[in-house]
Amino acid sequence: MRSRRLARTLLADLPVKVICLAAAVVLFLFHRVNTLTERFFSVPLEVTTPSGLAVASAFPKTVRITLRGAEEAIFPILEEDIEASVDLDTYRSAGIYQAQVKVNRKGTALNVEPLEINVDPGQITFTLEPLTERRVSVIPDIRGEPAYGYELVQSTVSPSSVAIRGARSRVQGVSAVPTEEIDLTGRTGSFASRVRILLPNALLRIAGDPSVDFKATIQESIVTRRFDAVPISTVDLSPHLTLRSPIPPGSVQVQGAQLVVDGVRPEQVRLVLDCSAVKRAGQYELHPRAEVPSSVTVPDFDPKVVTVEFVVSGG
């Protein structure tokens, strides 16, 4: 009798009890969902490719990770303990494939429950092509100018070429690769440095050292400057003789370091006639010589020959 009464008590209003229990479960789950916290960050995407193939299509280098769980549990998780990867090693031939992004947790992310991990994007399309290698030239990216009065005489990179690797279509479109910027601004002397090689896109790799040795030879600029209306004067002329008429001026070119040439003043440049061999009045053809500061040279001057007439002084 007692068992029958217990059964009747338990079964009494059964639909109401079921509804109440279901409502309690829903409320519990609703409460749990609403007490979970979300955290967002990005992690690098690791892509494994099969031997002999390379990725030819652009793909995201990072993916967005969403952690969902108790606030006190998810915020201590270190970002480096969430890894995202795509394994293409199962594909053995060139083609277009869609692969799933896998998430792995380690370290501080282990044994955290409850923990939901979502990744965006979840799937990525990849184009695989045969892996190709090609040797290309290295071009130094030289910017700026040396200080005034100096010039870049020569520049070299060693090695002058490197081998690049990647998908066939990507490699075939490259014939040369630049270095990082090399600034010459304000330099007054030669120098050497180690510089990185820059690739045109992230799908290519350098087979070997990604840097080269750069050397620059910088010297003082050698320039020429022309002085016109340079007076032609006489030296060692007998005091008993004088010129019948003035000698027209000439011109002189000087050459030397830019800063030195800039400092030459017009009064420091002249043409001179050596008249020590003139003993009597008459007409003579004489050869001028240029006189300039010793810090510069004279590549040319004019005239080379001067016809002059001397007369007796006072005559």
C-alpha atoms as a PDB file:
ATOM      1  CA  MET A   1       0.000   0.000   0.000  1.00  0.00           C
ATOM      2  CA  ARG A   2       2.769   2.349   0.905  1.00  0.00           C
ATOM      3  CA  SER A   3       4.537   1.797  -2.437  1.00  0.00           C
ATOM      4  CA  ARG A   4       1.308   2.432  -4.305  1.00  0.00           C
ATOM      5  CA  ARG A   5       0.784   5.701  -2.474  1.00  0.00           C
ATOM      6  CA  LEU A   6       4.406   6.738  -3.264  1.00  0.00           C
ATOM      7  CA  ALA A   7       3.883   5.910  -6.930  1.00  0.00           C
ATOM      8  CA  ARG A   8       0.644   7.869  -7.076  1.00  0.00           C
ATOM      9  CA  THR A   9       2.411  10.828  -5.374  1.00  0.00           C
ATOM     10  CA  LEU A  10       5.284  10.794  -7.852  1.00  0.00           C
ATOM     11  CA  LEU A  11       3.002  10.481 -10.862  1.00  0.00           C
ATOM     12  CA  ALA A  12       0.579  13.107  -9.671  1.00  0.00           C
ATOM     13  CA  ASP A  13       0.749  16.226 -11.845  1.00  0.00           C
ATOM     14  CA  LEU A  14       3.536  14.623 -13.932  1.00  0.00           C
ATOM     15  CA  PRO A  15       3.223  17.018 -16.899  1.00  0.00           C
ATOM     16  CA  VAL A  16       3.600  19.981 -14.586  1.00  0.00           C
ATOM     17  CA  LYS A  17       6.666  18.454 -12.969  1.00  0.00           C
ATOM     18  CA  VAL A  18       8.269  17.716 -16.353  1.00  0.00           C
ATOM     19  CA  ILE A  19       7.663  21.265 -17.480  1.00  0.00           C
ATOM     20  CA  CYS A  20       9.157  22.623 -14.261  1.00  0.00           C
ATOM     21  CA  LEU A  21      12.230  20.421 -14.613  1.00  0.00           C
ATOM     22  CA  ALA A  22      12.754  21.471 -18.224  1.00  0.00           C
ATOM     23  CA  ALA A  23      12.357  25.107 -17.245  1.00  0.00           C
ATOM     24  CA  ALA A  24      14.956  24.658 -14.519  1.00  0.00           C
ATOM     25  CA  VAL A  25      17.407  23.134 -16.993  1.00  0.00           C
ATOM     26  CA  VAL A  26      16.808  25.967 -19.472  1.00  0.00           C
ATOM     27  CA  LEU A  27      17.303  28.572 -16.749  1.00  0.00           C
ATOM     28  CA  PHE A  28      20.526  26.872 -15.673  1.00  0.00           C
ATOM     29  CA  LEU A  29      21.887  26.805 -19.201  1.00  0.00           C
ATOM     30  CA  PHE A  30      20.733  30.371 -19.863  1.00  0.00           C
ATOM     31  CA  HIS A  31      22.471  31.522 -16.687  1.00  0.00           C
ATOM     32  CA  ARG A  32      25.614  29.669 -17.616  1.00  0.00           C
ATOM     33  CA  VAL A  33      25.682  31.133 -21.128  1.00  0.00           C
ATOM     34  CA  ASN A  34      25.153  34.636 -19.852  1.00  0.00           C
ATOM     35  CA  THR A  35      27.917  34.340 -17.269  1.00  0.00           C
ATOM     36  CA  LEU A  36      30.563  33.292 -19.866  1.00  0.00           C
ATOM     37  CA  THR A  37      32.974  35.943 -21.132  1.00  0.00           C
ATOM     38  CA  GLU A  38      34.538  36.324 -24.584  1.00  0.00           C
ATOM     39  CA  ARG A  39      38.129  37.271 -25.371  1.00  0.00           C
ATOM     40  CA  PHE A  40      39.561  38.064 -28.809  1.00  0.00           C
ATOM     41  CA  PHE A  41      43.095  38.084 -30.221  1.00  0.00           C
ATOM     42  CA  SER A  42      45.021  37.082 -33.331  1.00  0.00           C
ATOM     43  CA  VAL A  43      47.654  34.360 -33.691  1.00  0.00           C
ATOM     44  CA  PRO A  44      50.026  33.450 -36.534  1.00  0.00           C
ATOM     45  CA  LEU A  45      48.810  30.841 -38.995  1.00  0.00           C
ATOM     46  CA  GLU A  46      51.256  28.003 -39.605  1.00  0.00           C
ATOM     47  CA  VAL A  47      50.909  26.292 -42.983  1.00  0.00           C
ATOM     48  CA  THR A  48      52.560  22.959 -43.757  1.00  0.00           C
ATOM     49  CA  THR A  49      53.063  22.222 -47.451  1.00  0.00           C
ATOM     50  CA  PRO A  50      53.934  18.889 -49.079  1.00  0.00           C
ATOM     51  CA  SER A  51      57.406  18.250 -50.452  1.00  0.00           C
ATOM     52  CA  GLY A  52      57.864  19.589 -53.987  1.00  0.00           C
ATOM     53  CA  LEU A  53      54.870  21.965 -53.821  1.00  0.00           C
ATOM     54  CA  ALA A  54      54.430  25.566 -52.697  1.00  0.00           C
ATOM     55  CA  VAL A  55      51.502  27.888 -52.042  1.00  0.00           C
ATOM     56  CA  ALA A  56      50.881  30.248 -54.970  1.00  0.00           C
ATOM     57  CA  SER A  57      47.808  32.105 -53.647  1.00  0.00           C
ATOM     58  CA  ALA A  58      47.712  34.778 -50.966  1.00  0.00           C
ATOM     59  CA  PHE A  59      46.373  33.687 -47.600  1.00  0.00           C
ATOM     60  CA  PRO A  60      45.996  35.353 -44.192  1.00  0.00           C
ATOM     61  CA  LYS A  61      49.143  35.292 -42.064  1.00  0.00           C
ATOM     62  CA  THR A  62      47.088  35.503 -38.878  1.00  0.00           C
ATOM     63  CA  VAL A  63      43.652  34.296 -37.810  1.00  0.00           C
ATOM     64  CA  ARG A  64      41.248  35.704 -35.233  1.00  0.00           C
ATOM     65  CA  ILE A  65      40.725  33.604 -32.139  1.00  0.00           C
ATOM     66  CA  THR A  66      37.649  33.886 -29.903  1.00  0.00           C
ATOM     67  CA  LEU A  67      37.845  32.335 -26.450  1.00  0.00           C
ATOM     68  CA  ARG A  68      34.598  31.850 -24.552  1.00  0.00           C
ATOM     69  CA  GLY A  69      34.574  30.789 -20.930  1.00  0.00           C
ATOM     70  CA  ALA A  70      34.673  31.983 -17.363  1.00  0.00           C
ATOM     71  CA  GLU A  71      36.392  35.336 -17.094  1.00  0.00           C
ATOM     72  CA  GLU A  72      38.814  34.191 -14.393  1.00  0.00           C
ATOM     73  CA  ALA A  73      39.745  31.169 -16.531  1.00  0.00           C
ATOM     74  CA  ILE A  74      40.265  32.654 -20.038  1.00  0.00           C
ATOM     75  CA  PHE A  75      42.136  35.892 -19.331  1.00  0.00           C
ATOM     76  CA  PRO A  76      45.205  34.183 -17.788  1.00  0.00           C
ATOM     77  CA  ILE A  77      45.629  32.177 -21.020  1.00  0.00           C
ATOM     78  CA  LEU A  78      48.733  33.304 -22.925  1.00  0.00           C
ATOM     79  CA  GLU A  79      48.205  34.051 -26.609  1.00  0.00           C
ATOM     80  CA  GLU A  80      51.197  31.903 -27.585  1.00  0.00           C
ATOM     81  CA  ASP A  81      49.479  28.902 -26.008  1.00  0.00           C
ATOM     82  CA  ILE A  82      46.812  28.951 -28.731  1.00  0.00           C
ATOM     83  CA  GLU A  83      48.164  27.696 -32.053  1.00  0.00           C
ATOM     84  CA  ALA A  84      46.431  27.785 -35.453  1.00  0.00           C
ATOM     85  CA  SER A  85      47.591  25.655 -38.358  1.00  0.00           C
ATOM     86  CA  VAL A  86      46.684  24.248 -41.743  1.00  0.00           C
ATOM     87  CA  ASP A  87      48.137  20.947 -42.873  1.00  0.00           C
ATOM     88  CA  LEU A  88      48.338  20.624 -46.668  1.00  0.00           C
ATOM     89  CA  ASP A  89      50.681  17.649 -46.518  1.00  0.00           C
ATOM     90  CA  THR A  90      47.940  15.266 -47.624  1.00  0.00           C
ATOM     91  CA  TYR A  91      47.735  16.926 -51.072  1.00  0.00           C
ATOM     92  CA  ARG A  92      50.288  15.452 -53.447  1.00  0.00           C
ATOM     93  CA  SER A  93      49.630  17.343 -56.676  1.00  0.00           C
ATOM     94  CA  ALA A  94      49.178  20.897 -57.863  1.00  0.00           C
ATOM     95  CA  GLY A  95      45.662  22.277 -57.643  1.00  0.00           C
ATOM     96  CA  ILE A  96      43.183  24.382 -55.684  1.00  0.00           C
ATOM     97  CA  TYR A  97      42.174  23.058 -52.273  1.00  0.00           C
ATOM     98  CA  GLN A  98      40.050  24.171 -49.336  1.00  0.00           C
ATOM     99  CA  ALA A  99      41.537  23.299 -45.957  1.00  0.00           C
ATOM    100  CA  GLN A 100      40.276  23.511 -42.391  1.00  0.00           C
ATOM    101  CA  VAL A 101      42.097  25.693 -39.870  1.00  0.00           C
ATOM    102  CA  LYS A 102      42.957  23.596 -36.820  1.00  0.00           C
ATOM    103  CA  VAL A 103      43.411  25.021 -33.328  1.00  0.00           C
ATOM    104  CA  ASN A 104      45.695  23.482 -30.757  1.00  0.00           C
ATOM    105  CA  ARG A 105      45.985  24.539 -27.140  1.00  0.00           C
ATOM    106  CA  LYS A 106      48.886  24.034 -24.806  1.00  0.00           C
ATOM    107  CA  GLY A 107      50.409  25.394 -21.628  1.00  0.00           C
ATOM    108  CA  THR A 108      48.060  27.813 -19.878  1.00  0.00           C
ATOM    109  CA  ALA A 109      45.215  26.817 -22.213  1.00  0.00           C
ATOM    110  CA  LEU A 110      45.227  23.189 -21.130  1.00  0.00           C
ATOM    111  CA  ASN A 111      42.659  21.907 -18.632  1.00  0.00           C
ATOM    112  CA  VAL A 112      40.582  25.098 -18.833  1.00  0.00           C
ATOM    113  CA  GLU A 113      36.914  24.153 -18.743  1.00  0.00           C
ATOM    114  CA  PRO A 114      34.496  25.243 -19.917  1.00  0.00           C
ATOM    115  CA  LEU A 115      36.380  26.719 -22.901  1.00  0.00           C
ATOM    116  CA  GLU A 116      35.035  27.320 -26.385  1.00  0.00           C
ATOM    117  CA  ILE A 117      37.545  28.252 -29.110  1.00  0.00           C
ATOM    118  CA  ASN A 118      36.396  29.672 -32.436  1.00  0.00           C
ATOM    119  CA  VAL A 119      38.696  30.637 -35.303  1.00  0.00           C
ATOM    120  CA  ASP A 120      38.006  33.054 -38.138  1.00  0.00           C
ATOM    121  CA  PRO A 121      38.390  32.197 -40.949  1.00  0.00           C
ATOM    122  CA  GLY A 122      37.655  28.548 -40.302  1.00  0.00           C
ATOM    123  CA  GLN A 123      38.469  27.443 -43.848  1.00  0.00           C
ATOM    124  CA  ILE A 124      40.992  28.814 -46.354  1.00  0.00           C
ATOM    125  CA  THR A 125      41.406  28.133 -50.069  1.00  0.00           C
ATOM    126  CA  PHE A 126      44.963  27.423 -51.230  1.00  0.00           C
ATOM    127  CA  THR A 127      46.488  27.106 -54.683  1.00  0.00           C
ATOM    128  CA  LEU A 128      49.421  24.700 -54.820  1.00  0.00           C
ATOM    129  CA  GLU A 129      52.022  24.789 -57.599  1.00  0.00           C
ATOM    130  CA  PRO A 130      55.341  23.017 -58.165  1.00  0.00           C
ATOM    131  CA  LEU A 131      58.157  24.379 -55.980  1.00  0.00           C
ATOM    132  CA  THR A 132      60.677  26.252 -58.168  1.00  0.00           C
ATOM    133  CA  GLU A 133      64.089  27.826 -57.507  1.00  0.00           C
ATOM    134  CA  ARG A 134      65.661  30.631 -59.550  1.00  0.00           C
ATOM    135  CA  ARG A 135      68.758  32.799 -59.220  1.00  0.00           C
ATOM    136  CA  VAL A 136      68.108  36.558 -59.398  1.00  0.00           C
ATOM    137  CA  SER A 137      70.172  39.739 -59.115  1.00  0.00           C
ATOM    138  CA  VAL A 138      70.399  41.780 -55.931  1.00  0.00           C
ATOM    139  CA  ILE A 139      69.944  45.534 -56.453  1.00  0.00           C
ATOM    140  CA  PRO A 140      70.942  47.930 -53.647  1.00  0.00           C
ATOM    141  CA  ASP A 141      68.199  50.459 -52.870  1.00  0.00           C
ATOM    142  CA  ILE A 142      70.331  53.589 -52.514  1.00  0.00           C
ATOM    143  CA  ARG A 143      68.632  56.749 -51.263  1.00  0.00           C
ATOM    144  CA  GLY A 144      69.830  60.285 -50.573  1.00  0.00           C
ATOM    145  CA  GLU A 145      73.038  62.074 -51.560  1.00  0.00           C
ATOM    146  CA  PRO A 146      76.435  62.406 -49.873  1.00  0.00           C
ATOM    147  CA  ALA A 147      77.379  65.726 -48.291  1.00  0.00           C
ATOM    148  CA  TYR A 148      78.012  68.674 -50.633  1.00  0.00           C
ATOM    149  CA  GLY A 149      81.379  68.275 -52.259  1.00  0.00           C
ATOM    150  CA  TYR A 150      81.295  64.454 -52.129  1.00  0.00           C
ATOM    151  CA  GLU A 151      79.992  61.810 -54.492  1.00  0.00           C
ATOM    152  CA  LEU A 152      79.317  58.090 -54.672  1.00  0.00           C
ATOM    153  CA  VAL A 153      82.052  56.683 -56.904  1.00  0.00           C
ATOM    154  CA  GLN A 154      81.193  52.993 -56.678  1.00  0.00           C
ATOM    155  CA  SER A 155      78.841  50.621 -54.870  1.00  0.00           C
ATOM    156  CA  THR A 156      78.780  46.825 -54.700  1.00  0.00           C
ATOM    157  CA  VAL A 157      76.775  44.051 -53.063  1.00  0.00           C
ATOM    158  CA  SER A 158      78.179  40.627 -52.254  1.00  0.00           C
ATOM    159  CA  PRO A 159      76.864  38.209 -53.267  1.00  0.00           C
ATOM    160  CA  SER A 160      75.453  39.969 -56.317  1.00  0.00           C
ATOM    161  CA  SER A 161      72.757  37.319 -56.805  1.00  0.00           C
ATOM    162  CA  VAL A 162      70.714  34.926 -54.647  1.00  0.00           C
ATOM    163  CA  ALA A 163      68.447  31.940 -55.188  1.00  0.00           C
ATOM    164  CA  ILE A 164      64.757  32.426 -54.437  1.00  0.00           C
ATOM    165  CA  ARG A 165      62.222  29.650 -53.908  1.00  0.00           C
ATOM    166  CA  GLY A 166      58.480  29.476 -54.187  1.00  0.00           C
ATOM    167  CA  ALA A 167      55.534  28.550 -56.363  1.00  0.00           C
ATOM    168  CA  ARG A 168      56.425  28.456 -60.042  1.00  0.00           C
ATOM    169  CA  SER A 169      54.238  31.393 -61.129  1.00  0.00           C
ATOM    170  CA  ARG A 170      55.581  33.566 -58.301  1.00  0.00           C
ATOM    171  CA  VAL A 171      59.241  32.806 -58.976  1.00  0.00           C
ATOM    172  CA  GLN A 172      59.017  33.276 -62.740  1.00  0.00           C
ATOM    173  CA  GLY A 173      57.802  36.857 -62.288  1.00  0.00           C
ATOM    174  CA  VAL A 174      60.957  37.964 -60.436  1.00  0.00           C
ATOM    175  CA  SER A 175      64.283  38.818 -62.099  1.00  0.00           C
ATOM    176  CA  ALA A 176      65.824  40.969 -59.361  1.00  0.00           C
ATOM    177  CA  VAL A 177      65.286  41.695 -55.675  1.00  0.00           C
ATOM    178  CA  PRO A 178      66.095  44.944 -53.831  1.00  0.00           C
ATOM    179  CA  THR A 179      67.827  45.435 -50.522  1.00  0.00           C
ATOM    180  CA  GLU A 180      66.434  47.496 -47.698  1.00  0.00           C
ATOM    181  CA  GLU A 181      67.006  51.254 -48.044  1.00  0.00           C
ATOM    182  CA  ILE A 182      70.622  52.439 -47.815  1.00  0.00           C
ATOM    183  CA  ASP A 183      70.793  56.133 -46.915  1.00  0.00           C
ATOM    184  CA  LEU A 184      73.776  58.145 -48.201  1.00  0.00           C
ATOM    185  CA  THR A 185      72.513  61.474 -46.903  1.00  0.00           C
ATOM    186  CA  GLY A 186      75.332  63.615 -45.523  1.00  0.00           C
ATOM    187  CA  ARG A 187      78.057  60.985 -45.816  1.00  0.00           C
ATOM    188  CA  THR A 188      81.654  62.108 -46.411  1.00  0.00           C
ATOM    189  CA  GLY A 189      83.485  58.798 -46.519  1.00  0.00           C
ATOM    190  CA  SER A 190      83.355  55.204 -47.733  1.00  0.00           C
ATOM    191  CA  PHE A 191      81.516  52.640 -45.624  1.00  0.00           C
ATOM    192  CA  ALA A 192      80.307  49.031 -45.530  1.00  0.00           C
ATOM    193  CA  SER A 193      77.210  47.491 -43.948  1.00  0.00           C
ATOM    194  CA  ARG A 194      75.134  44.326 -43.818  1.00  0.00           C
ATOM    195  CA  VAL A 195      71.702  44.834 -45.392  1.00  0.00           C
ATOM    196  CA  ARG A 196      68.608  42.649 -45.682  1.00  0.00           C
ATOM    197  CA  ILE A 197      67.133  41.512 -48.983  1.00  0.00           C
ATOM    198  CA  LEU A 198      63.469  42.420 -49.512  1.00  0.00           C
ATOM    199  CA  LEU A 199      61.221  39.965 -51.336  1.00  0.00           C
ATOM    200  CA  PRO A 200      58.323  41.181 -53.513  1.00  0.00           C
ATOM    201  CA  ASN A 201      55.816  38.997 -51.642  1.00  0.00           C
ATOM    202  CA  ALA A 202      55.628  36.788 -48.580  1.00  0.00           C
ATOM    203  CA  LEU A 203      55.146  33.596 -50.629  1.00  0.00           C
ATOM    204  CA  LEU A 204      58.806  33.613 -51.694  1.00  0.00           C
ATOM    205  CA  ARG A 205      61.821  32.514 -49.700  1.00  0.00           C
ATOM    206  CA  ILE A 206      65.560  33.008 -50.078  1.00  0.00           C
ATOM    207  CA  ALA A 207      67.640  29.853 -50.286  1.00  0.00           C
ATOM    208  CA  GLY A 208      70.385  30.771 -47.865  1.00  0.00           C
ATOM    209  CA  ASP A 209      71.374  33.960 -46.067  1.00  0.00           C
ATOM    210  CA  PRO A 210      68.728  36.703 -46.513  1.00  0.00           C
ATOM    211  CA  SER A 211      71.360  39.476 -46.187  1.00  0.00           C
ATOM    212  CA  VAL A 212      74.222  40.764 -48.337  1.00  0.00           C
ATOM    213  CA  ASP A 213      77.334  42.889 -47.776  1.00  0.00           C
ATOM    214  CA  PHE A 214      77.078  46.417 -49.197  1.00  0.00           C
ATOM    215  CA  LYS A 215      80.129  48.589 -49.831  1.00  0.00           C
ATOM    216  CA  ALA A 216      80.144  52.211 -50.970  1.00  0.00           C
ATOM    217  CA  THR A 217      83.128  54.263 -52.109  1.00  0.00           C
ATOM    218  CA  ILE A 218      82.543  57.963 -51.424  1.00  0.00           C
ATOM    219  CA  GLN A 219      85.138  60.559 -52.404  1.00  0.00           C
ATOM    220  CA  GLU A 220      85.393  64.282 -52.786  1.00  0.00           C
ATOM    221  CA  SER A 221      83.739  65.457 -55.991  1.00  0.00           C
ATOM    222  CA  ILE A 222      86.225  66.557 -58.665  1.00  0.00           C
ATOM    223  CA  VAL A 223      84.858  69.493 -60.663  1.00  0.00           C
ATOM    224  CA  THR A 224      86.055  72.069 -63.150  1.00  0.00           C
ATOM    225  CA  ARG A 225      85.364  75.770 -63.119  1.00  0.00           C
ATOM    226  CA  ARG A 226      85.990  78.306 -65.877  1.00  0.00           C
ATOM    227  CA  PHE A 227      87.235  81.801 -65.127  1.00  0.00           C
ATOM    228  CA  ASP A 228      86.666  84.343 -67.905  1.00  0.00           C
ATOM    229  CA  ALA A 229      88.084  87.831 -68.359  1.00  0.00           C
ATOM    230  CA  VAL A 230      91.358  86.674 -66.838  1.00  0.00           C
ATOM    231  CA  PRO A 231      93.985  89.436 -67.286  1.00  0.00           C
ATOM    232  CA  ILE A 232      97.193  88.600 -69.152  1.00  0.00           C
ATOM    233  CA  SER A 233     100.164  90.310 -67.543  1.00  0.00           C
ATOM    234  CA  THR A 234     103.854  90.512 -68.446  1.00  0.00           C
ATOM    235  CA  VAL A 235     106.803  89.599 -66.235  1.00  0.00           C
ATOM    236  CA  ASP A 236     110.546  90.167 -66.600  1.00  0.00           C
ATOM    237  CA  LEU A 237     110.049  92.763 -69.323  1.00  0.00           C
ATOM    238  CA  SER A 238     112.952  95.177 -69.835  1.00  0.00           C
ATOM    239  CA  PRO A 239     112.218  98.546 -68.252  1.00  0.00           C
ATOM    240  CA  HIS A 240     113.138 100.127 -71.570  1.00  0.00           C
ATOM    241  CA  LEU A 241     110.255  98.404 -73.346  1.00  0.00           C
ATOM    242  CA  THR A 242     106.500  98.574 -73.086  1.00  0.00           C
ATOM    243  CA  LEU A 243     103.438  97.140 -74.834  1.00  0.00           C
ATOM    244  CA  ARG A 244     102.132  99.061 -77.779  1.00  0.00           C
ATOM    245  CA  SER A 245      98.526  98.113 -76.848  1.00  0.00           C
ATOM    246  CA  PRO A 246      96.815  96.198 -73.984  1.00  0.00           C
ATOM    247  CA  ILE A 247      96.494  92.443 -74.301  1.00  0.00           C
ATOM    248  CA  PRO A 248      92.885  91.157 -74.430  1.00  0.00           C
ATOM    249  CA  PRO A 249      91.982  88.989 -71.430  1.00  0.00           C
ATOM    250  CA  GLY A 250      91.799  85.205 -71.673  1.00  0.00           C
ATOM    251  CA  SER A 251      90.145  82.338 -69.803  1.00  0.00           C
ATOM    252  CA  VAL A 252      91.352  79.618 -67.460  1.00  0.00           C
ATOM    253  CA  GLN A 253      89.781  76.324 -66.382  1.00  0.00           C
ATOM    254  CA  VAL A 254      90.687  75.011 -62.942  1.00  0.00           C
ATOM    255  CA  GLN A 255      90.034  71.520 -61.602  1.00  0.00           C
ATOM    256  CA  GLY A 256      90.004  70.041 -58.125  1.00  0.00           C
ATOM    257  CA  ALA A 257      87.875  69.013 -55.185  1.00  0.00           C
ATOM    258  CA  GLN A 258      84.482  70.737 -55.146  1.00  0.00           C
ATOM    259  CA  LEU A 259      85.035  72.554 -51.872  1.00  0.00           C
ATOM    260  CA  VAL A 260      88.520  73.719 -52.930  1.00  0.00           C
ATOM    261  CA  VAL A 261      87.406  74.934 -56.361  1.00  0.00           C
ATOM    262  CA  ASP A 262      84.506  76.795 -54.787  1.00  0.00           C
ATOM    263  CA  GLY A 263      87.019  78.666 -52.649  1.00  0.00           C
ATOM    264  CA  VAL A 264      89.183  79.934 -55.533  1.00  0.00           C
ATOM    265  CA  ARG A 265      88.773  83.697 -55.991  1.00  0.00           C
ATOM    266  CA  PRO A 266      89.030  85.387 -59.425  1.00  0.00           C
ATOM    267  CA  GLU A 267      92.050  87.481 -58.341  1.00  0.00           C
ATOM    268  CA  GLN A 268      93.947  84.216 -57.661  1.00  0.00           C
ATOM    269  CA  VAL A 269      93.747  83.235 -61.336  1.00  0.00           C
ATOM    270  CA  ARG A 270      95.874  84.940 -64.009  1.00  0.00           C
ATOM    271  CA  LEU A 271      97.718  84.391 -67.288  1.00  0.00           C
ATOM    272  CA  VAL A 272     101.369  85.434 -67.437  1.00  0.00           C
ATOM    273  CA  LEU A 273     103.692  86.245 -70.380  1.00  0.00           C
ATOM    274  CA  ASP A 274     107.363  85.576 -69.699  1.00  0.00           C
ATOM    275  CA  CYS A 275     109.139  88.431 -71.465  1.00  0.00           C
ATOM    276  CA  SER A 276     112.687  87.686 -70.270  1.00  0.00           C
ATOM    277  CA  ALA A 277     113.745  86.785 -73.835  1.00  0.00           C
ATOM    278  CA  VAL A 278     112.512  90.075 -75.314  1.00  0.00           C
ATOM    279  CA  LYS A 279     115.548  92.347 -75.740  1.00  0.00           C
ATOM    280  CA  ARG A 280     114.421  94.907 -78.301  1.00  0.00           C
ATOM    281  CA  ALA A 281     111.282  96.500 -79.666  1.00  0.00           C
ATOM    282  CA  GLY A 282     109.256  94.524 -82.196  1.00  0.00           C
ATOM    283  CA  GLN A 283     106.469  91.982 -82.619  1.00  0.00           C
ATOM    284  CA  TYR A 284     106.650  88.671 -80.797  1.00  0.00           C
ATOM    285  CA  GLU A 285     104.613  85.484 -80.387  1.00  0.00           C
ATOM    286  CA  LEU A 286     104.649  84.467 -76.750  1.00  0.00           C
ATOM    287  CA  HIS A 287     103.096  81.527 -74.866  1.00  0.00           C
ATOM    288  CA  PRO A 288     101.161  82.438 -71.730  1.00  0.00           C
ATOM    289  CA  ARG A 289     101.201  80.272 -68.637  1.00  0.00           C
ATOM    290  CA  ALA A 290      98.397  79.999 -66.111  1.00  0.00           C
ATOM    291  CA  GLU A 291      99.006  80.757 -62.470  1.00  0.00           C
ATOM    292  CA  VAL A 292      96.480  79.386 -59.939  1.00  0.00           C
ATOM    293  CA  PRO A 293      96.501  78.223 -56.288  1.00  0.00           C
ATOM    294  CA  SER A 294      98.515  75.015 -55.793  1.00  0.00           C
ATOM    295  CA  SER A 295      95.413  73.191 -54.520  1.00  0.00           C
ATOM    296  CA  VAL A 296      93.919  73.068 -58.038  1.00  0.00           C
ATOM    297  CA  THR A 297      95.150  72.101 -61.490  1.00  0.00           C
ATOM    298  CA  VAL A 298      94.688  73.725 -64.906  1.00  0.00           C
ATOM    299  CA  PRO A 299      93.264  71.321 -67.530  1.00  0.00           C
ATOM    300  CA  ASP A 300      92.914  74.121 -70.117  1.00  0.00           C
ATOM    301  CA  PHE A 301      93.337  77.832 -70.749  1.00  0.00           C
ATOM    302  CA  ASP A 302      93.059  80.247 -73.676  1.00  0.00           C
ATOM    303  CA  PRO A 303      94.823  81.694 -75.571  1.00  0.00           C
ATOM    304  CA  LYS A 304      97.806  79.401 -75.998  1.00  0.00           C
ATOM    305  CA  VAL A 305      99.719  81.923 -78.114  1.00  0.00           C
ATOM    306  CA  VAL A 306      99.640  85.731 -77.925  1.00  0.00           C
ATOM    307  CA  THR A 307     101.028  88.086 -80.587  1.00  0.00           C
ATOM    308  CA  VAL A 308     102.242  91.294 -78.948  1.00  0.00           C
ATOM    309  CA  GLU A 309     104.253  94.303 -80.057  1.00  0.00           C
ATOM    310  CA  PHE A 310     106.749  96.044 -77.820  1.00  0.00           C
ATOM    311  CA  VAL A 311     107.975  99.574 -78.254  1.00  0.00           C
ATOM    312  CA  VAL A 312     110.655 101.586 -76.534  1.00  0.00           C
ATOM    313  CA  SER A 313     109.386 103.171 -73.404  1.00  0.00           C
ATOM    314  CA  GLY A 314     108.496 106.792 -73.951  1.00  0.00           C
ATOM    315  CA  GLY A 315     108.850 106.335 -77.711  1.00  0.00           C
END
